[in-house]
Amino acid sequence: CALDSEVALRVGGDFFFDPQPGDSPVNLVLIAGGVGINPLFSILLHIADLHGYQEGKGKGHKLGTVKLYYSAKNTSELLFKKNILGLMNTFPGKITCCFHVTQQRSQICKELQPHITGK
């Protein structure tokens, strides 16, 4: 987003992301805290499947980028972190993530360091 951009925001409840092949591409920003990652991780996996299908077929869904912001007390509470890192490596520039920890006491592993911020 750029300054003064219009965005849609949805908090909690029943939501899903199901783009159709003719839809215009959209850029998504997903924001999760703790176990709230579960439904957003499902959306992320769906997007990864669509990206993989698109690359294999050369047509189909027009997909934008996805930026995930995910916060937890410490890195051990970041669920699916290895899967998320794998998706970022598989789809560089298309799927990105910024992890945030609020109460990390130990050193952060090298694999997460480039993607993490904290107090």
Protein backbone atom coordinates (compact mmCIF):
# COMPACT_ATOMS: atom_id res chain seq x y z
CA CYS A 1 0.00 0.00 0.00
CA ALA A 2 1.03 3.56 -0.55
CA LEU A 3 0.09 6.56 1.56
CA ASP A 4 -3.62 7.38 1.14
CA SER A 5 -4.40 3.98 -0.42
CA GLU A 6 -7.84 2.56 0.19
CA VAL A 7 -7.79 -0.85 1.86
CA ALA A 8 -10.40 -3.35 3.04
CA LEU A 9 -9.99 -4.80 6.53
CA ARG A 10 -11.67 -7.83 7.99
CA VAL A 11 -11.22 -8.92 11.61
CA GLY A 12 -12.26 -12.34 12.84
CA GLY A 13 -15.38 -14.20 11.85
CA ASP A 14 -16.09 -16.34 8.82
CA PHE A 15 -13.77 -15.40 5.97
CA PHE A 16 -12.01 -17.02 3.02
CA PHE A 17 -10.01 -16.22 -0.10
CA ASP A 18 -11.24 -17.91 -3.26
CA PRO A 19 -10.09 -16.03 -6.37
CA GLN A 20 -11.49 -17.14 -9.70
CA PRO A 21 -9.45 -17.41 -12.93
CA GLY A 22 -11.00 -14.26 -14.46
CA ASP A 23 -10.58 -12.08 -11.35
CA SER A 24 -8.15 -9.18 -11.30
CA PRO A 25 -5.07 -9.82 -9.16
CA VAL A 26 -5.14 -8.50 -5.60
CA ASN A 27 -2.32 -7.98 -3.14
CA LEU A 28 -3.06 -9.40 0.30
CA VAL A 29 -1.77 -8.36 3.70
CA LEU A 30 -2.47 -11.02 6.31
CA ILE A 31 -2.02 -10.13 10.00
CA ALA A 32 -1.95 -12.86 12.65
CA GLY A 33 -1.17 -13.18 16.32
CA GLY A 34 -0.50 -16.46 18.12
CA VAL A 35 -2.86 -19.29 17.19
CA GLY A 36 -4.82 -16.83 15.02
CA ILE A 37 -2.45 -17.94 12.27
CA ASN A 38 -4.53 -21.08 11.59
CA PRO A 39 -7.09 -19.71 9.11
CA LEU A 40 -4.52 -17.38 7.54
CA PHE A 41 -2.06 -20.24 7.08
CA SER A 42 -4.80 -22.09 5.17
CA ILE A 43 -5.21 -19.06 2.91
CA LEU A 44 -1.43 -18.92 2.44
CA LEU A 45 -1.34 -22.59 1.44
CA HIS A 46 -4.19 -22.05 -1.02
CA ILE A 47 -2.33 -19.13 -2.60
CA ALA A 48 0.83 -21.24 -2.83
CA ASP A 49 -1.15 -24.00 -4.57
CA LEU A 50 -2.52 -21.47 -7.04
CA HIS A 51 0.96 -20.05 -7.70
CA GLY A 52 2.28 -23.57 -8.27
CA TYR A 53 -0.58 -24.40 -10.61
CA GLN A 54 -0.11 -21.14 -12.48
CA GLU A 55 3.62 -21.74 -12.96
CA GLY A 56 2.96 -25.27 -14.20
CA LYS A 57 0.26 -24.28 -16.68
CA GLY A 58 1.33 -20.76 -17.66
CA LYS A 59 -2.22 -19.44 -17.32
CA GLY A 60 -5.17 -19.40 -14.99
CA HIS A 61 -5.40 -17.27 -11.87
CA LYS A 62 -3.88 -13.80 -11.87
CA LEU A 63 -2.35 -13.52 -8.44
CA GLY A 64 -0.86 -10.56 -6.62
CA THR A 65 1.58 -10.68 -3.75
CA VAL A 66 0.98 -11.80 -0.18
CA LYS A 67 2.63 -10.22 2.86
CA LEU A 68 2.10 -12.00 6.17
CA TYR A 69 2.71 -10.21 9.47
CA TYR A 70 2.77 -12.74 12.29
CA SER A 71 3.38 -12.00 15.97
CA ALA A 72 3.88 -14.24 18.99
CA LYS A 73 5.56 -14.09 22.40
CA ASN A 74 8.65 -15.93 21.16
CA THR A 75 9.85 -17.94 18.19
CA SER A 76 8.77 -21.24 19.72
CA GLU A 77 5.17 -19.98 19.59
CA LEU A 78 5.37 -19.07 15.89
CA LEU A 79 3.32 -21.95 14.50
CA PHE A 80 4.11 -23.20 10.98
CA LYS A 81 7.28 -21.03 10.83
CA LYS A 82 9.27 -23.64 8.88
CA ASN A 83 6.40 -24.11 6.42
CA ILE A 84 6.09 -20.33 5.98
CA LEU A 85 9.84 -20.00 5.38
CA GLY A 86 9.55 -22.79 2.80
CA LEU A 87 6.76 -20.96 0.98
CA MET A 88 8.81 -17.75 0.92
CA ASN A 89 11.75 -19.66 -0.57
CA THR A 90 9.56 -21.42 -3.12
CA PHE A 91 7.77 -18.22 -4.20
CA PRO A 92 10.27 -15.38 -3.64
CA GLY A 93 8.74 -11.94 -3.99
CA LYS A 94 5.25 -13.44 -4.24
CA ILE A 95 4.94 -14.63 -0.63
CA THR A 96 6.78 -12.75 2.13
CA CYS A 97 6.54 -12.75 5.89
CA CYS A 98 7.63 -10.55 8.75
CA PHE A 99 7.64 -12.33 12.11
CA HIS A 100 7.48 -10.29 15.32
CA VAL A 101 8.25 -11.54 18.83
CA THR A 102 7.40 -9.62 21.98
CA GLN A 103 9.05 -11.62 24.78
CA GLN A 104 11.98 -13.49 23.23
CA ARG A 105 14.55 -14.40 25.90
CA SER A 106 16.91 -16.61 23.89
CA GLN A 107 18.85 -15.97 20.71
CA ILE A 108 16.88 -16.18 17.47
CA CYS A 109 18.01 -18.90 15.05
CA LYS A 110 19.84 -17.76 11.91
CA GLU A 111 17.10 -19.08 9.64
CA LEU A 112 14.54 -16.68 11.16
CA GLN A 113 16.79 -13.66 11.81
CA PRO A 114 16.31 -11.96 8.41
CA HIS A 115 12.53 -12.13 8.79
CA ILE A 116 12.06 -11.22 12.46
CA THR A 117 11.66 -8.11 14.56
CA GLY A 118 11.26 -7.91 18.29
CA LYS A 119 11.39 -5.84 21.41
